[in-house]
Protein backbone atom coordinates (compact mmCIF):
# COMPACT_ATOMS: atom_id res chain seq x y z
CA MET A 1 -20.96 0.58 -8.93
CA THR A 2 -20.35 1.16 -5.21
CA ALA A 3 -17.01 2.88 -5.88
CA TYR A 4 -18.69 5.08 -8.51
CA ASP A 5 -21.44 6.11 -6.08
CA ALA A 6 -18.95 6.71 -3.25
CA THR A 7 -16.62 8.81 -5.40
CA HIS A 8 -19.47 11.05 -6.50
CA GLY A 9 -20.92 11.27 -3.01
CA PHE A 10 -17.65 12.37 -1.43
CA SER A 11 -17.14 15.03 -4.12
CA ASP A 12 -20.71 16.43 -3.81
CA GLN A 13 -21.69 15.21 -7.27
CA TYR A 14 -25.27 13.99 -7.15
CA ILE A 15 -26.37 11.12 -9.33
CA VAL A 16 -29.80 11.62 -10.92
CA GLU A 17 -31.62 9.98 -13.78
CA ILE A 18 -31.13 11.64 -17.18
CA GLU A 19 -34.84 12.45 -17.47
CA VAL A 20 -34.80 14.15 -14.06
CA PHE A 21 -31.71 16.16 -14.99
CA HIS A 22 -33.31 17.33 -18.25
CA LYS A 23 -36.48 18.33 -16.37
CA VAL A 24 -34.49 20.45 -13.90
CA VAL A 25 -32.53 22.01 -16.78
CA LYS A 26 -35.84 23.08 -18.37
CA GLU A 27 -37.12 24.47 -15.04
CA ALA A 28 -33.93 26.56 -14.83
CA GLY A 29 -34.75 28.22 -18.15
CA LEU A 30 -32.19 26.23 -20.13
CA THR A 31 -32.42 23.57 -22.79
CA VAL A 32 -30.30 20.59 -23.79
CA VAL A 33 -28.91 20.91 -27.33
CA PRO A 34 -29.93 17.49 -28.76
CA GLN A 35 -27.11 17.07 -31.28
CA TYR A 36 -24.56 17.35 -28.44
CA PHE A 37 -26.30 14.97 -26.03
CA SER A 38 -24.73 11.58 -25.48
CA LYS A 39 -24.96 8.87 -22.85
CA PHE A 40 -22.70 6.00 -21.88
CA PRO A 41 -23.47 3.20 -22.31
CA ASN A 42 -25.95 4.10 -25.04
CA SER A 43 -28.85 2.28 -23.38
CA ASP A 44 -31.48 2.73 -20.67
CA LEU A 45 -28.78 1.70 -18.17
CA ALA A 46 -26.65 4.78 -18.86
CA THR A 47 -24.70 6.09 -15.88
CA VAL A 48 -22.93 8.99 -17.63
CA SER A 49 -24.33 11.70 -19.87
CA ILE A 50 -22.79 14.62 -21.69
CA ASN A 51 -24.97 17.65 -22.30
CA LEU A 52 -24.53 21.05 -23.90
CA LEU A 53 -26.89 23.49 -22.22
CA ALA A 54 -28.17 26.66 -23.86
CA LYS A 55 -30.55 29.44 -22.92
CA ALA A 56 -34.10 28.37 -23.75
CA ASP A 57 -35.89 30.30 -26.49
CA GLY A 58 -38.69 32.58 -25.49
């Protein structure tokens, strides 16, 4: 885990919880397309997520 955190820190990639990321996406006027969302591992301990973002309706 330390190497993962260090690699992202040195490359200016910021690690945030999935729920926090989705909240910020919504605040930016976007939405996550649910059928293209995935997380690895597929549990509450996920450290990687894949998201397709789209312009929010309305």
